[in-house]
Amino acid sequence: MQPDTLARTITLIRAHLSGHRSPHSIPEITAESSFERDLRCDAIDMVCIELAAEDEFHVRFPAERMEACETVGDLAELVRTLIKEPVQ
């Protein structure tokens, strides 16, 4: 996975969470961060993150593939697949 994709994914997730949480309550976000367990994202958060990622990366997520994303890394990998980044 391109580091830029992961970094951009983390940045958009942090921006979303910062919109309705105290900056001090947002944990460190890594590729291994679980949306549910670590970041405490609910269904509304996930829809907002999905829409933000679609706008950021100019892609559209198939519903069944987005639902399979359990971690930040899963989402970044899905983005990479959809935009067909070269694997290094």
C-alpha atoms as a PDB file:
ATOM      1  CA  MET A   1       0.000   0.000   0.000  1.00  0.00           C
ATOM      2  CA  GLN A   2       1.325   3.427  -0.882  1.00  0.00           C
ATOM      3  CA  PRO A   3       2.205   5.375   2.284  1.00  0.00           C
ATOM      4  CA  ASP A   4       0.483   8.429   0.841  1.00  0.00           C
ATOM      5  CA  THR A   5      -2.844   6.602   0.665  1.00  0.00           C
ATOM      6  CA  LEU A   6      -2.605   5.519   4.286  1.00  0.00           C
ATOM      7  CA  ALA A   7      -1.519   8.984   5.436  1.00  0.00           C
ATOM      8  CA  ARG A   8      -4.348  10.662   3.545  1.00  0.00           C
ATOM      9  CA  THR A   9      -6.831   8.120   4.935  1.00  0.00           C
ATOM     10  CA  ILE A  10      -5.644   8.761   8.498  1.00  0.00           C
ATOM     11  CA  THR A  11      -5.850  12.530   7.940  1.00  0.00           C
ATOM     12  CA  LEU A  12      -9.450  12.395   6.733  1.00  0.00           C
ATOM     13  CA  ILE A  13     -10.482  10.108   9.611  1.00  0.00           C
ATOM     14  CA  ARG A  14      -8.814  12.429  12.128  1.00  0.00           C
ATOM     15  CA  ALA A  15     -10.557  15.428  10.541  1.00  0.00           C
ATOM     16  CA  HIS A  16     -13.933  13.705  10.810  1.00  0.00           C
ATOM     17  CA  LEU A  17     -13.421  12.671  14.427  1.00  0.00           C
ATOM     18  CA  SER A  18     -12.117  16.147  15.349  1.00  0.00           C
ATOM     19  CA  GLY A  19     -15.380  17.625  14.162  1.00  0.00           C
ATOM     20  CA  HIS A  20     -17.321  16.193  17.084  1.00  0.00           C
ATOM     21  CA  ARG A  21     -14.770  15.039  19.678  1.00  0.00           C
ATOM     22  CA  SER A  22     -12.218  16.736  21.841  1.00  0.00           C
ATOM     23  CA  PRO A  23      -8.790  16.549  20.173  1.00  0.00           C
ATOM     24  CA  HIS A  24      -7.444  14.968  23.367  1.00  0.00           C
ATOM     25  CA  SER A  25      -9.990  12.145  23.181  1.00  0.00           C
ATOM     26  CA  ILE A  26      -8.921  10.980  19.726  1.00  0.00           C
ATOM     27  CA  PRO A  27      -6.494   8.066  20.026  1.00  0.00           C
ATOM     28  CA  GLU A  28      -3.486   7.583  17.796  1.00  0.00           C
ATOM     29  CA  ILE A  29      -4.703   6.375  14.411  1.00  0.00           C
ATOM     30  CA  THR A  30      -2.667   3.680  12.673  1.00  0.00           C
ATOM     31  CA  ALA A  31      -3.282   1.140   9.931  1.00  0.00           C
ATOM     32  CA  GLU A  32      -4.155  -1.374  12.653  1.00  0.00           C
ATOM     33  CA  SER A  33      -6.728   0.881  14.357  1.00  0.00           C
ATOM     34  CA  SER A  34     -10.142  -0.762  14.494  1.00  0.00           C
ATOM     35  CA  PHE A  35     -12.975   1.582  13.582  1.00  0.00           C
ATOM     36  CA  GLU A  36     -15.287   0.089  16.187  1.00  0.00           C
ATOM     37  CA  ARG A  37     -12.973  -0.938  19.016  1.00  0.00           C
ATOM     38  CA  ASP A  38     -10.180   1.655  18.911  1.00  0.00           C
ATOM     39  CA  LEU A  39     -11.817   4.673  17.305  1.00  0.00           C
ATOM     40  CA  ARG A  40     -15.348   4.025  18.638  1.00  0.00           C
ATOM     41  CA  CYS A  41     -16.933   4.803  15.262  1.00  0.00           C
ATOM     42  CA  ASP A  42     -20.648   4.174  14.929  1.00  0.00           C
ATOM     43  CA  ALA A  43     -22.613   3.666  11.711  1.00  0.00           C
ATOM     44  CA  ILE A  44     -22.987   7.411  11.161  1.00  0.00           C
ATOM     45  CA  ASP A  45     -19.240   7.941  11.572  1.00  0.00           C
ATOM     46  CA  MET A  46     -18.587   5.205   9.029  1.00  0.00           C
ATOM     47  CA  VAL A  47     -20.919   6.765   6.462  1.00  0.00           C
ATOM     48  CA  CYS A  48     -19.244  10.146   6.939  1.00  0.00           C
ATOM     49  CA  ILE A  49     -15.774   8.609   6.632  1.00  0.00           C
ATOM     50  CA  GLU A  50     -16.862   6.713   3.517  1.00  0.00           C
ATOM     51  CA  LEU A  51     -18.186   9.894   1.887  1.00  0.00           C
ATOM     52  CA  ALA A  52     -15.050  11.833   2.828  1.00  0.00           C
ATOM     53  CA  ALA A  53     -12.825   9.096   1.381  1.00  0.00           C
ATOM     54  CA  GLU A  54     -14.861   8.964  -1.816  1.00  0.00           C
ATOM     55  CA  ASP A  55     -14.433  12.731  -2.215  1.00  0.00           C
ATOM     56  CA  GLU A  56     -10.741  12.684  -1.306  1.00  0.00           C
ATOM     57  CA  PHE A  57      -9.773   9.843  -3.622  1.00  0.00           C
ATOM     58  CA  HIS A  58     -12.423  10.297  -6.360  1.00  0.00           C
ATOM     59  CA  VAL A  59     -13.715   6.731  -6.035  1.00  0.00           C
ATOM     60  CA  ARG A  60     -17.017   5.055  -5.211  1.00  0.00           C
ATOM     61  CA  PHE A  61     -17.067   2.180  -2.734  1.00  0.00           C
ATOM     62  CA  PRO A  62     -19.188  -0.884  -3.413  1.00  0.00           C
ATOM     63  CA  ALA A  63     -21.356  -1.220  -0.287  1.00  0.00           C
ATOM     64  CA  GLU A  64     -20.325  -4.790   0.455  1.00  0.00           C
ATOM     65  CA  ARG A  65     -16.619  -3.912   0.270  1.00  0.00           C
ATOM     66  CA  MET A  66     -16.933  -0.908   2.565  1.00  0.00           C
ATOM     67  CA  GLU A  67     -18.791  -3.000   5.122  1.00  0.00           C
ATOM     68  CA  ALA A  68     -15.829  -5.392   5.205  1.00  0.00           C
ATOM     69  CA  CYS A  69     -13.439  -2.633   6.311  1.00  0.00           C
ATOM     70  CA  GLU A  70     -12.702  -3.227   9.975  1.00  0.00           C
ATOM     71  CA  THR A  71      -9.464  -1.258  10.251  1.00  0.00           C
ATOM     72  CA  VAL A  72      -8.001   1.936   8.881  1.00  0.00           C
ATOM     73  CA  GLY A  73      -5.571  -0.189   6.876  1.00  0.00           C
ATOM     74  CA  ASP A  74      -8.470  -2.118   5.337  1.00  0.00           C
ATOM     75  CA  LEU A  75      -9.981   1.147   4.138  1.00  0.00           C
ATOM     76  CA  ALA A  76      -6.658   2.412   2.762  1.00  0.00           C
ATOM     77  CA  GLU A  77      -6.123  -0.903   0.961  1.00  0.00           C
ATOM     78  CA  LEU A  78      -9.619  -0.707  -0.540  1.00  0.00           C
ATOM     79  CA  VAL A  79      -8.868   2.818  -1.771  1.00  0.00           C
ATOM     80  CA  ARG A  80      -5.552   1.672  -3.232  1.00  0.00           C
ATOM     81  CA  THR A  81      -7.317  -1.152  -5.053  1.00  0.00           C
ATOM     82  CA  LEU A  82      -9.979   1.159  -6.461  1.00  0.00           C
ATOM     83  CA  ILE A  83      -7.541   3.768  -7.700  1.00  0.00           C
ATOM     84  CA  LYS A  84      -5.170   1.041  -8.898  1.00  0.00           C
ATOM     85  CA  GLU A  85      -2.015   2.419  -7.318  1.00  0.00           C
ATOM     86  CA  PRO A  86       1.109   0.567  -8.344  1.00  0.00           C
ATOM     87  CA  VAL A  87       2.325  -1.809  -5.652  1.00  0.00           C
ATOM     88  CA  GLN A  88       5.900  -1.194  -4.550  1.00  0.00           C
END
